[in-house]
PDB file of all heavy atoms in Angstrom:
ATOM      1  N   GLU A   1       0.977 -15.059 -40.374  1.00  0.00           N
ATOM      2  CA  GLU A   1       0.355 -13.761 -40.135  1.00  0.00           C
ATOM      3  C   GLU A   1      -0.135 -13.642 -38.701  1.00  0.00           C
ATOM      4  O   GLU A   1      -0.065 -12.613 -38.070  1.00  0.00           O
ATOM      5  CB  GLU A   1      -0.837 -13.601 -41.087  1.00  0.00           C
ATOM      6  CG  GLU A   1      -0.390 -13.410 -42.549  1.00  0.00           C
ATOM      7  CD  GLU A   1      -1.587 -13.370 -43.482  1.00  0.00           C
ATOM      8  OE1 GLU A   1      -2.720 -13.517 -42.967  1.00  0.00           O
ATOM      9  OE2 GLU A   1      -1.404 -13.183 -44.688  1.00  0.00           O
ATOM     10  N   GLY A   2      -0.658 -14.775 -38.174  1.00  0.00           N
ATOM     11  CA  GLY A   2      -1.100 -14.786 -36.789  1.00  0.00           C
ATOM     12  C   GLY A   2       0.029 -14.450 -35.809  1.00  0.00           C
ATOM     13  O   GLY A   2      -0.128 -13.683 -34.897  1.00  0.00           O
ATOM     14  N   THR A   3       1.220 -15.003 -36.061  1.00  0.00           N
ATOM     15  CA  THR A   3       2.350 -14.722 -35.203  1.00  0.00           C
ATOM     16  C   THR A   3       2.765 -13.265 -35.314  1.00  0.00           C
ATOM     17  O   THR A   3       3.151 -12.647 -34.314  1.00  0.00           O
ATOM     18  CB  THR A   3       3.519 -15.649 -35.545  1.00  0.00           C
ATOM     19  OG1 THR A   3       3.805 -15.538 -36.953  1.00  0.00           O
ATOM     20  CG2 THR A   3       3.180 -17.114 -35.252  1.00  0.00           C
ATOM     21  N   ARG A   4       2.714 -12.696 -36.507  1.00  0.00           N
ATOM     22  CA  ARG A   4       3.063 -11.301 -36.666  1.00  0.00           C
ATOM     23  C   ARG A   4       2.115 -10.404 -35.853  1.00  0.00           C
ATOM     24  O   ARG A   4       2.548  -9.438 -35.238  1.00  0.00           O
ATOM     25  CB  ARG A   4       2.991 -10.903 -38.150  1.00  0.00           C
ATOM     26  CG  ARG A   4       4.109 -11.537 -38.975  1.00  0.00           C
ATOM     27  CD  ARG A   4       3.937 -11.216 -40.438  1.00  0.00           C
ATOM     28  NE  ARG A   4       4.923 -11.879 -41.267  1.00  0.00           N
ATOM     29  CZ  ARG A   4       4.907 -11.900 -42.576  1.00  0.00           C
ATOM     30  NH1 ARG A   4       3.931 -11.287 -43.258  1.00  0.00           N
ATOM     31  NH2 ARG A   4       5.857 -12.534 -43.265  1.00  0.00           N
ATOM     32  N   ASP A   5       0.830 -10.683 -35.887  1.00  0.00           N
ATOM     33  CA  ASP A   5      -0.138  -9.877 -35.142  1.00  0.00           C
ATOM     34  C   ASP A   5       0.180  -9.910 -33.666  1.00  0.00           C
ATOM     35  O   ASP A   5       0.104  -8.888 -32.977  1.00  0.00           O
ATOM     36  CB  ASP A   5      -1.565 -10.390 -35.400  1.00  0.00           C
ATOM     37  CG  ASP A   5      -1.975 -10.160 -36.843  1.00  0.00           C
ATOM     38  OD1 ASP A   5      -1.356  -9.325 -37.489  1.00  0.00           O
ATOM     39  OD2 ASP A   5      -2.898 -10.875 -37.333  1.00  0.00           O
ATOM     40  N   TRP A   6       0.519 -11.066 -33.146  1.00  0.00           N
ATOM     41  CA  TRP A   6       0.810 -11.176 -31.735  1.00  0.00           C
ATOM     42  C   TRP A   6       2.060 -10.355 -31.391  1.00  0.00           C
ATOM     43  O   TRP A   6       2.167  -9.737 -30.349  1.00  0.00           O
ATOM     44  CB  TRP A   6       1.001 -12.638 -31.339  1.00  0.00           C
ATOM     45  CG  TRP A   6      -0.302 -13.353 -31.144  1.00  0.00           C
ATOM     46  CD1 TRP A   6      -0.861 -14.272 -31.946  1.00  0.00           C
ATOM     47  CD2 TRP A   6      -1.214 -13.155 -30.060  1.00  0.00           C
ATOM     48  NE1 TRP A   6      -2.075 -14.693 -31.468  1.00  0.00           N
ATOM     49  CE2 TRP A   6      -2.324 -14.014 -30.299  1.00  0.00           C
ATOM     50  CE3 TRP A   6      -1.246 -12.338 -28.949  1.00  0.00           C
ATOM     51  CZ2 TRP A   6      -3.385 -14.078 -29.442  1.00  0.00           C
ATOM     52  CZ3 TRP A   6      -2.319 -12.399 -28.103  1.00  0.00           C
ATOM     53  CH2 TRP A   6      -3.370 -13.238 -28.324  1.00  0.00           C
ATOM     54  N   ARG A   7       3.044 -10.409 -32.282  1.00  0.00           N
ATOM     55  CA  ARG A   7       4.287  -9.706 -32.011  1.00  0.00           C
ATOM     56  C   ARG A   7       4.048  -8.200 -31.972  1.00  0.00           C
ATOM     57  O   ARG A   7       4.558  -7.477 -31.112  1.00  0.00           O
ATOM     58  CB  ARG A   7       5.331 -10.032 -33.076  1.00  0.00           C
ATOM     59  CG  ARG A   7       5.854 -11.445 -32.955  1.00  0.00           C
ATOM     60  CD  ARG A   7       6.762 -11.808 -34.151  1.00  0.00           C
ATOM     61  NE  ARG A   7       7.234 -13.162 -34.075  1.00  0.00           N
ATOM     62  CZ  ARG A   7       7.912 -13.757 -35.038  1.00  0.00           C
ATOM     63  NH1 ARG A   7       8.205 -13.118 -36.172  1.00  0.00           N
ATOM     64  NH2 ARG A   7       8.315 -15.000 -34.894  1.00  0.00           N
ATOM     65  N   THR A   8       3.265  -7.672 -32.933  1.00  0.00           N
ATOM     66  CA  THR A   8       3.002  -6.226 -32.963  1.00  0.00           C
ATOM     67  C   THR A   8       2.227  -5.797 -31.700  1.00  0.00           C
ATOM     68  O   THR A   8       2.472  -4.754 -31.129  1.00  0.00           O
ATOM     69  CB  THR A   8       2.191  -5.867 -34.204  1.00  0.00           C
ATOM     70  OG1 THR A   8       1.030  -6.715 -34.285  1.00  0.00           O
ATOM     71  CG2 THR A   8       3.025  -6.063 -35.458  1.00  0.00           C
ATOM     72  N   ARG A   9       1.277  -6.648 -31.288  1.00  0.00           N
ATOM     73  CA  ARG A   9       0.509  -6.312 -30.051  1.00  0.00           C
ATOM     74  C   ARG A   9       1.455  -6.226 -28.858  1.00  0.00           C
ATOM     75  O   ARG A   9       1.338  -5.364 -28.003  1.00  0.00           O
ATOM     76  CB  ARG A   9      -0.565  -7.364 -29.830  1.00  0.00           C
ATOM     77  CG  ARG A   9      -1.690  -7.314 -30.858  1.00  0.00           C
ATOM     78  CD  ARG A   9      -2.683  -8.416 -30.591  1.00  0.00           C
ATOM     79  NE  ARG A   9      -3.698  -8.463 -31.657  1.00  0.00           N
ATOM     80  CZ  ARG A   9      -4.631  -9.415 -31.725  1.00  0.00           C
ATOM     81  NH1 ARG A   9      -4.651 -10.395 -30.833  1.00  0.00           N
ATOM     82  NH2 ARG A   9      -5.495  -9.370 -32.692  1.00  0.00           N
ATOM     83  N   ASP A  10       2.367  -7.210 -28.736  1.00  0.00           N
ATOM     84  CA  ASP A  10       3.302  -7.199 -27.602  1.00  0.00           C
ATOM     85  C   ASP A  10       4.156  -5.936 -27.616  1.00  0.00           C
ATOM     86  O   ASP A  10       4.425  -5.339 -26.564  1.00  0.00           O
ATOM     87  CB  ASP A  10       4.180  -8.437 -27.663  1.00  0.00           C
ATOM     88  CG  ASP A  10       3.375  -9.711 -27.413  1.00  0.00           C
ATOM     89  OD1 ASP A  10       2.271  -9.582 -26.832  1.00  0.00           O
ATOM     90  OD2 ASP A  10       3.860 -10.785 -27.804  1.00  0.00           O
ATOM     91  N   ARG A  11       4.631  -5.545 -28.810  1.00  0.00           N
ATOM     92  CA  ARG A  11       5.449  -4.344 -28.876  1.00  0.00           C
ATOM     93  C   ARG A  11       4.676  -3.094 -28.449  1.00  0.00           C
ATOM     94  O   ARG A  11       5.187  -2.257 -27.696  1.00  0.00           O
ATOM     95  CB  ARG A  11       5.957  -4.142 -30.313  1.00  0.00           C
ATOM     96  CG  ARG A  11       6.980  -5.194 -30.714  1.00  0.00           C
ATOM     97  CD  ARG A  11       7.335  -5.062 -32.198  1.00  0.00           C
ATOM     98  NE  ARG A  11       8.258  -6.090 -32.592  1.00  0.00           N
ATOM     99  CZ  ARG A  11       8.635  -6.297 -33.888  1.00  0.00           C
ATOM    100  NH1 ARG A  11       8.124  -5.508 -34.814  1.00  0.00           N
ATOM    101  NH2 ARG A  11       9.471  -7.250 -34.169  1.00  0.00           N
ATOM    102  N   GLU A  12       3.432  -2.933 -28.935  1.00  0.00           N
ATOM    103  CA  GLU A  12       2.623  -1.789 -28.539  1.00  0.00           C
ATOM    104  C   GLU A  12       2.374  -1.760 -27.032  1.00  0.00           C
ATOM    105  O   GLU A  12       2.380  -0.695 -26.389  1.00  0.00           O
ATOM    106  CB  GLU A  12       1.286  -1.814 -29.284  1.00  0.00           C
ATOM    107  CG  GLU A  12       1.461  -1.568 -30.803  1.00  0.00           C
ATOM    108  CD  GLU A  12       0.131  -1.714 -31.523  1.00  0.00           C
ATOM    109  OE1 GLU A  12      -0.860  -2.054 -30.842  1.00  0.00           O
ATOM    110  OE2 GLU A  12       0.099  -1.498 -32.726  1.00  0.00           O
ATOM    111  N   HIS A  13       2.140  -2.950 -26.482  1.00  0.00           N
ATOM    112  CA  HIS A  13       1.880  -3.027 -25.028  1.00  0.00           C
ATOM    113  C   HIS A  13       3.145  -2.593 -24.271  1.00  0.00           C
ATOM    114  O   HIS A  13       3.059  -1.856 -23.261  1.00  0.00           O
ATOM    115  CB  HIS A  13       1.507  -4.449 -24.674  1.00  0.00           C
ATOM    116  CG  HIS A  13       1.292  -4.626 -23.201  1.00  0.00           C
ATOM    117  ND1 HIS A  13       0.183  -4.081 -22.539  1.00  0.00           N
ATOM    118  CD2 HIS A  13       1.986  -5.288 -22.239  1.00  0.00           C
ATOM    119  CE1 HIS A  13       0.229  -4.372 -21.277  1.00  0.00           C
ATOM    120  NE2 HIS A  13       1.296  -5.119 -21.048  1.00  0.00           N
ATOM    121  N   GLU A  14       4.327  -2.995 -24.722  1.00  0.00           N
ATOM    122  CA  GLU A  14       5.567  -2.616 -24.050  1.00  0.00           C
ATOM    123  C   GLU A  14       5.792  -1.092 -24.116  1.00  0.00           C
ATOM    124  O   GLU A  14       6.215  -0.433 -23.179  1.00  0.00           O
ATOM    125  CB  GLU A  14       6.747  -3.342 -24.657  1.00  0.00           C
ATOM    126  CG  GLU A  14       6.741  -4.843 -24.344  1.00  0.00           C
ATOM    127  CD  GLU A  14       7.892  -5.564 -24.986  1.00  0.00           C
ATOM    128  OE1 GLU A  14       8.632  -4.874 -25.753  1.00  0.00           O
ATOM    129  OE2 GLU A  14       8.042  -6.769 -24.783  1.00  0.00           O
ATOM    130  N   ARG A  15       5.470  -0.481 -25.285  1.00  0.00           N
ATOM    131  CA  ARG A  15       5.669   0.950 -25.461  1.00  0.00           C
ATOM    132  C   ARG A  15       4.758   1.726 -24.520  1.00  0.00           C
ATOM    133  O   ARG A  15       5.166   2.708 -23.870  1.00  0.00           O
ATOM    134  CB  ARG A  15       5.400   1.338 -26.902  1.00  0.00           C
ATOM    135  CG  ARG A  15       6.462   0.853 -27.875  1.00  0.00           C
ATOM    136  CD  ARG A  15       6.055   1.141 -29.311  1.00  0.00           C
ATOM    137  NE  ARG A  15       7.053   0.597 -30.240  1.00  0.00           N
ATOM    138  CZ  ARG A  15       6.844   0.568 -31.589  1.00  0.00           C
ATOM    139  NH1 ARG A  15       5.728   1.096 -32.097  1.00  0.00           N
ATOM    140  NH2 ARG A  15       7.787   0.069 -32.352  1.00  0.00           N
ATOM    141  N   SER A  16       3.509   1.338 -24.476  1.00  0.00           N
ATOM    142  CA  SER A  16       2.561   2.049 -23.583  1.00  0.00           C
ATOM    143  C   SER A  16       2.982   1.883 -22.116  1.00  0.00           C
ATOM    144  O   SER A  16       2.850   2.806 -21.307  1.00  0.00           O
ATOM    145  CB  SER A  16       1.139   1.494 -23.764  1.00  0.00           C
ATOM    146  OG  SER A  16       1.085   0.107 -23.443  1.00  0.00           O
ATOM    147  N   ARG A  17       3.518   0.712 -21.773  1.00  0.00           N
ATOM    148  CA  ARG A  17       3.965   0.520 -20.407  1.00  0.00           C
ATOM    149  C   ARG A  17       5.171   1.391 -20.102  1.00  0.00           C
ATOM    150  O   ARG A  17       5.301   1.951 -18.984  1.00  0.00           O
ATOM    151  CB  ARG A  17       4.340  -0.967 -20.225  1.00  0.00           C
ATOM    152  CG  ARG A  17       4.688  -1.333 -18.769  1.00  0.00           C
ATOM    153  CD  ARG A  17       4.960  -2.801 -18.635  1.00  0.00           C
ATOM    154  NE  ARG A  17       6.101  -3.168 -19.467  1.00  0.00           N
ATOM    155  CZ  ARG A  17       6.522  -4.439 -19.600  1.00  0.00           C
ATOM    156  NH1 ARG A  17       5.916  -5.429 -18.948  1.00  0.00           N
ATOM    157  NH2 ARG A  17       7.555  -4.699 -20.357  1.00  0.00           N
ATOM    158  N   ASP A  18       6.069   1.565 -21.066  1.00  0.00           N
ATOM    159  CA  ASP A  18       7.208   2.448 -20.856  1.00  0.00           C
ATOM    160  C   ASP A  18       6.769   3.898 -20.677  1.00  0.00           C
ATOM    161  O   ASP A  18       7.394   4.662 -19.902  1.00  0.00           O
ATOM    162  CB  ASP A  18       8.182   2.355 -22.047  1.00  0.00           C
ATOM    163  CG  ASP A  18       8.807   0.946 -22.134  1.00  0.00           C
ATOM    164  OD1 ASP A  18       8.816   0.258 -21.104  1.00  0.00           O
ATOM    165  OD2 ASP A  18       9.256   0.584 -23.230  1.00  0.00           O
ATOM    166  N   LYS A  19       5.699   4.303 -21.376  1.00  0.00           N
ATOM    167  CA  LYS A  19       5.223   5.674 -21.232  1.00  0.00           C
ATOM    168  C   LYS A  19       4.625   5.912 -19.853  1.00  0.00           C
ATOM    169  O   LYS A  19       4.763   6.985 -19.275  1.00  0.00           O
ATOM    170  CB  LYS A  19       4.189   5.969 -22.297  1.00  0.00           C
ATOM    171  CG  LYS A  19       4.753   6.074 -23.697  1.00  0.00           C
ATOM    172  CD  LYS A  19       3.669   6.328 -24.728  1.00  0.00           C
ATOM    173  CE  LYS A  19       4.246   6.408 -26.137  1.00  0.00           C
ATOM    174  NZ  LYS A  19       3.197   6.648 -27.141  1.00  0.00           N
ATOM    175  N   ARG A  20       3.912   4.893 -19.346  1.00  0.00           N
ATOM    176  CA  ARG A  20       3.287   5.061 -18.032  1.00  0.00           C
ATOM    177  C   ARG A  20       4.292   4.991 -16.879  1.00  0.00           C
ATOM    178  O   ARG A  20       4.049   5.471 -15.770  1.00  0.00           O
ATOM    179  CB  ARG A  20       2.201   3.982 -17.819  1.00  0.00           C
ATOM    180  CG  ARG A  20       1.019   4.112 -18.767  1.00  0.00           C
ATOM    181  CD  ARG A  20      -0.136   3.252 -18.263  1.00  0.00           C
ATOM    182  NE  ARG A  20       0.269   1.844 -18.201  1.00  0.00           N
ATOM    183  CZ  ARG A  20       0.113   0.992 -19.210  1.00  0.00           C
ATOM    184  NH1 ARG A  20      -0.425   1.433 -20.357  1.00  0.00           N
ATOM    185  NH2 ARG A  20       0.471  -0.269 -19.066  1.00  0.00           N
ATOM    186  N   TRP A  21       5.419   4.382 -17.098  1.00  0.00           N
ATOM    187  CA  TRP A  21       6.392   4.174 -16.018  1.00  0.00           C
ATOM    188  C   TRP A  21       6.945   5.462 -15.451  1.00  0.00           C
ATOM    189  O   TRP A  21       7.035   5.607 -14.227  1.00  0.00           O
ATOM    190  CB  TRP A  21       7.514   3.287 -16.539  1.00  0.00           C
ATOM    191  CG  TRP A  21       8.471   2.857 -15.454  1.00  0.00           C
ATOM    192  CD1 TRP A  21       9.702   3.331 -15.243  1.00  0.00           C
ATOM    193  CD2 TRP A  21       8.219   1.883 -14.488  1.00  0.00           C
ATOM    194  NE1 TRP A  21      10.277   2.701 -14.171  1.00  0.00           N
ATOM    195  CE2 TRP A  21       9.366   1.780 -13.680  1.00  0.00           C
ATOM    196  CE3 TRP A  21       7.130   1.053 -14.188  1.00  0.00           C
ATOM    197  CZ2 TRP A  21       9.498   0.914 -12.606  1.00  0.00           C
ATOM    198  CZ3 TRP A  21       7.271   0.144 -13.114  1.00  0.00           C
ATOM    199  CH2 TRP A  21       8.411   0.108 -12.345  1.00  0.00           C
ATOM    200  N   PRO A  22       7.367   6.496 -16.263  1.00  0.00           N
ATOM    201  CA  PRO A  22       7.846   7.764 -15.672  1.00  0.00           C
ATOM    202  C   PRO A  22       6.836   8.467 -14.792  1.00  0.00           C
ATOM    203  O   PRO A  22       7.177   9.043 -13.763  1.00  0.00           O
ATOM    204  CB  PRO A  22       8.215   8.624 -16.905  1.00  0.00           C
ATOM    205  CG  PRO A  22       8.445   7.623 -17.990  1.00  0.00           C
ATOM    206  CD  PRO A  22       7.498   6.500 -17.703  1.00  0.00           C
ATOM    207  N   GLU A  23       5.551   8.435 -15.162  1.00  0.00           N
ATOM    208  CA  GLU A  23       4.508   9.076 -14.337  1.00  0.00           C
ATOM    209  C   GLU A  23       4.460   8.426 -12.964  1.00  0.00           C
ATOM    210  O   GLU A  23       4.298   9.123 -11.956  1.00  0.00           O
ATOM    211  CB  GLU A  23       3.182   8.970 -15.048  1.00  0.00           C
ATOM    212  CG  GLU A  23       3.130   9.720 -16.375  1.00  0.00           C
ATOM    213  CD  GLU A  23       1.816   9.539 -17.091  1.00  0.00           C
ATOM    214  OE1 GLU A  23       0.957   8.805 -16.533  1.00  0.00           O
ATOM    215  OE2 GLU A  23       1.621  10.158 -18.157  1.00  0.00           O
ATOM    216  N   ARG A  24       4.536   7.085 -12.931  1.00  0.00           N
ATOM    217  CA  ARG A  24       4.522   6.399 -11.623  1.00  0.00           C
ATOM    218  C   ARG A  24       5.755   6.760 -10.805  1.00  0.00           C
ATOM    219  O   ARG A  24       5.663   6.958  -9.583  1.00  0.00           O
ATOM    220  CB  ARG A  24       4.476   4.889 -11.840  1.00  0.00           C
ATOM    221  CG  ARG A  24       3.189   4.405 -12.466  1.00  0.00           C
ATOM    222  CD  ARG A  24       3.201   2.915 -12.622  1.00  0.00           C
ATOM    223  NE  ARG A  24       1.975   2.422 -13.233  1.00  0.00           N
ATOM    224  CZ  ARG A  24       1.744   1.154 -13.525  1.00  0.00           C
ATOM    225  NH1 ARG A  24       2.693   0.237 -13.291  1.00  0.00           N
ATOM    226  NH2 ARG A  24       0.606   0.797 -14.066  1.00  0.00           N
ATOM    227  N   GLU A  25       6.912   6.910 -11.472  1.00  0.00           N
ATOM    228  CA  GLU A  25       8.108   7.276 -10.724  1.00  0.00           C
ATOM    229  C   GLU A  25       7.996   8.660 -10.102  1.00  0.00           C
ATOM    230  O   GLU A  25       8.448   8.911  -8.995  1.00  0.00           O
ATOM    231  CB  GLU A  25       9.315   7.222 -11.672  1.00  0.00           C
ATOM    232  CG  GLU A  25       9.738   5.782 -12.039  1.00  0.00           C
ATOM    233  CD  GLU A  25      10.943   5.762 -12.898  1.00  0.00           C
ATOM    234  OE1 GLU A  25      11.307   6.838 -13.449  1.00  0.00           O
ATOM    235  OE2 GLU A  25      11.531   4.680 -13.096  1.00  0.00           O
ATOM    236  N   ARG A  26       7.364   9.594 -10.816  1.00  0.00           N
ATOM    237  CA  ARG A  26       7.165  10.926 -10.291  1.00  0.00           C
ATOM    238  C   ARG A  26       6.331  10.912  -9.018  1.00  0.00           C
ATOM    239  O   ARG A  26       6.607  11.547  -8.035  1.00  0.00           O
ATOM    240  CB  ARG A  26       6.520  11.818 -11.344  1.00  0.00           C
ATOM    241  CG  ARG A  26       7.402  12.118 -12.532  1.00  0.00           C
ATOM    242  CD  ARG A  26       6.628  12.827 -13.597  1.00  0.00           C
ATOM    243  NE  ARG A  26       7.397  12.985 -14.827  1.00  0.00           N
ATOM    244  CZ  ARG A  26       6.891  13.449 -15.956  1.00  0.00           C
ATOM    245  NH1 ARG A  26       5.601  13.796 -16.009  1.00  0.00           N
ATOM    246  NH2 ARG A  26       7.657  13.569 -17.018  1.00  0.00           N
ATOM    247  N   SER A  27       5.256  10.144  -9.113  1.00  0.00           N
ATOM    248  CA  SER A  27       4.363  10.085  -7.932  1.00  0.00           C
ATOM    249  C   SER A  27       5.107   9.486  -6.766  1.00  0.00           C
ATOM    250  O   SER A  27       4.920   9.935  -5.617  1.00  0.00           O
ATOM    251  CB  SER A  27       3.100   9.287  -8.246  1.00  0.00           C
ATOM    252  OG  SER A  27       3.459   7.952  -8.596  1.00  0.00           O
ATOM    253  N   TRP A  28       5.899   8.476  -7.027  1.00  0.00           N
ATOM    254  CA  TRP A  28       6.671   7.868  -5.911  1.00  0.00           C
ATOM    255  C   TRP A  28       7.701   8.869  -5.367  1.00  0.00           C
ATOM    256  O   TRP A  28       7.967   8.912  -4.157  1.00  0.00           O
ATOM    257  CB  TRP A  28       7.380   6.612  -6.414  1.00  0.00           C
ATOM    258  CG  TRP A  28       6.401   5.510  -6.708  1.00  0.00           C
ATOM    259  CD1 TRP A  28       5.129   5.403  -6.298  1.00  0.00           C
ATOM    260  CD2 TRP A  28       6.671   4.365  -7.519  1.00  0.00           C
ATOM    261  NE1 TRP A  28       4.549   4.275  -6.799  1.00  0.00           N
ATOM    262  CE2 TRP A  28       5.482   3.599  -7.566  1.00  0.00           C
ATOM    263  CE3 TRP A  28       7.792   3.931  -8.259  1.00  0.00           C
ATOM    264  CZ2 TRP A  28       5.380   2.413  -8.287  1.00  0.00           C
ATOM    265  CZ3 TRP A  28       7.686   2.767  -8.948  1.00  0.00           C
ATOM    266  CH2 TRP A  28       6.509   1.995  -8.989  1.00  0.00           C
ATOM    267  N   ALA A  29       8.286   9.658  -6.283  1.00  0.00           N
ATOM    268  CA  ALA A  29       9.284  10.630  -5.842  1.00  0.00           C
ATOM    269  C   ALA A  29       8.644  11.674  -4.948  1.00  0.00           C
ATOM    270  O   ALA A  29       9.253  12.179  -3.994  1.00  0.00           O
ATOM    271  CB  ALA A  29       9.959  11.274  -7.046  1.00  0.00           C
ATOM    272  N   TRP A  30       7.439  12.079  -5.280  1.00  0.00           N
ATOM    273  CA  TRP A  30       6.751  13.054  -4.454  1.00  0.00           C
ATOM    274  C   TRP A  30       6.297  12.489  -3.129  1.00  0.00           C
ATOM    275  O   TRP A  30       5.905  13.194  -2.196  1.00  0.00           O
ATOM    276  CB  TRP A  30       5.527  13.603  -5.199  1.00  0.00           C
ATOM    277  CG  TRP A  30       5.954  14.384  -6.435  1.00  0.00           C
ATOM    278  CD1 TRP A  30       7.159  14.984  -6.640  1.00  0.00           C
ATOM    279  CD2 TRP A  30       5.158  14.689  -7.567  1.00  0.00           C
ATOM    280  NE1 TRP A  30       7.176  15.629  -7.826  1.00  0.00           N
ATOM    281  CE2 TRP A  30       5.962  15.445  -8.458  1.00  0.00           C
ATOM    282  CE3 TRP A  30       3.860  14.370  -7.949  1.00  0.00           C
ATOM    283  CZ2 TRP A  30       5.462  15.917  -9.666  1.00  0.00           C
ATOM    284  CZ3 TRP A  30       3.386  14.846  -9.147  1.00  0.00           C
ATOM    285  CH2 TRP A  30       4.227  15.606  -9.994  1.00  0.00           C
ATOM    286  N   GLY A  31       6.371  11.160  -2.976  1.00  0.00           N
ATOM    287  CA  GLY A  31       6.036  10.516  -1.718  1.00  0.00           C
ATOM    288  C   GLY A  31       4.553  10.294  -1.521  1.00  0.00           C
ATOM    289  O   GLY A  31       4.094  10.140  -0.410  1.00  0.00           O
ATOM    290  N   GLU A  32       3.779  10.394  -2.596  1.00  0.00           N
ATOM    291  CA  GLU A  32       2.338  10.144  -2.446  1.00  0.00           C
ATOM    292  C   GLU A  32       1.829   9.495  -3.745  1.00  0.00           C
ATOM    293  O   GLU A  32       2.346   9.717  -4.791  1.00  0.00           O
ATOM    294  CB  GLU A  32       1.598  11.462  -2.182  1.00  0.00           C
ATOM    295  CG  GLU A  32       1.828  12.472  -3.283  1.00  0.00           C
ATOM    296  CD  GLU A  32       1.122  13.781  -2.946  1.00  0.00           C
ATOM    297  OE1 GLU A  32       0.635  13.902  -1.811  1.00  0.00           O
ATOM    298  OE2 GLU A  32       1.041  14.648  -3.837  1.00  0.00           O
ATOM    299  N   SER A  33       0.817   8.734  -3.578  1.00  0.00           N
ATOM    300  CA  SER A  33       0.197   8.038  -4.683  1.00  0.00           C
ATOM    301  C   SER A  33      -1.024   8.811  -5.180  1.00  0.00           C
ATOM    302  O   SER A  33      -1.424   9.820  -4.581  1.00  0.00           O
ATOM    303  CB  SER A  33      -0.194   6.625  -4.283  1.00  0.00           C
ATOM    304  OG  SER A  33      -1.157   6.656  -3.234  1.00  0.00           O
ATOM    305  N   GLU A  34      -1.605   8.354  -6.233  1.00  0.00           N
ATOM    306  CA  GLU A  34      -2.794   9.011  -6.789  1.00  0.00           C
ATOM    307  C   GLU A  34      -3.954   8.930  -5.818  1.00  0.00           C
ATOM    308  O   GLU A  34      -4.768   9.843  -5.712  1.00  0.00           O
ATOM    309  CB  GLU A  34      -3.145   8.366  -8.124  1.00  0.00           C
ATOM    310  CG  GLU A  34      -2.101   8.593  -9.205  1.00  0.00           C
ATOM    311  CD  GLU A  34      -2.487   7.909 -10.502  1.00  0.00           C
ATOM    312  OE1 GLU A  34      -3.552   7.271 -10.526  1.00  0.00           O
ATOM    313  OE2 GLU A  34      -1.754   8.059 -11.493  1.00  0.00           O
ATOM    314  N   ARG A  35      -4.069   7.784  -5.143  1.00  0.00           N
ATOM    315  CA  ARG A  35      -5.185   7.615  -4.179  1.00  0.00           C
ATOM    316  C   ARG A  35      -5.056   8.617  -3.040  1.00  0.00           C
ATOM    317  O   ARG A  35      -6.051   9.223  -2.607  1.00  0.00           O
ATOM    318  CB  ARG A  35      -5.208   6.220  -3.642  1.00  0.00           C
ATOM    319  CG  ARG A  35      -5.576   5.154  -4.677  1.00  0.00           C
ATOM    320  CD  ARG A  35      -5.568   3.793  -4.044  1.00  0.00           C
ATOM    321  NE  ARG A  35      -5.905   2.786  -5.031  1.00  0.00           N
ATOM    322  CZ  ARG A  35      -5.920   1.479  -4.780  1.00  0.00           C
ATOM    323  NH1 ARG A  35      -5.641   1.054  -3.531  1.00  0.00           N
ATOM    324  NH2 ARG A  35      -6.265   0.635  -5.714  1.00  0.00           N
ATOM    325  N   GLU A  36      -3.825   8.841  -2.545  1.00  0.00           N
ATOM    326  CA  GLU A  36      -3.619   9.786  -1.437  1.00  0.00           C
ATOM    327  C   GLU A  36      -3.985  11.195  -1.855  1.00  0.00           C
ATOM    328  O   GLU A  36      -4.614  11.976  -1.116  1.00  0.00           O
ATOM    329  CB  GLU A  36      -2.204   9.742  -0.952  1.00  0.00           C
ATOM    330  CG  GLU A  36      -1.876   8.392  -0.263  1.00  0.00           C
ATOM    331  CD  GLU A  36      -0.417   8.331   0.146  1.00  0.00           C
ATOM    332  OE1 GLU A  36       0.348   9.279  -0.252  1.00  0.00           O
ATOM    333  OE2 GLU A  36      -0.007   7.355   0.796  1.00  0.00           O
TER     334      GLU A  36
END
């Protein structure tokens, strides 16, 4: 059960990272970051 919990956590983390990746690409395409 412990190994299953770790696997589900890793999968959720990968999905959230995939969602955030397009937003970062847009900012890079516009040539400016959030801080700028």
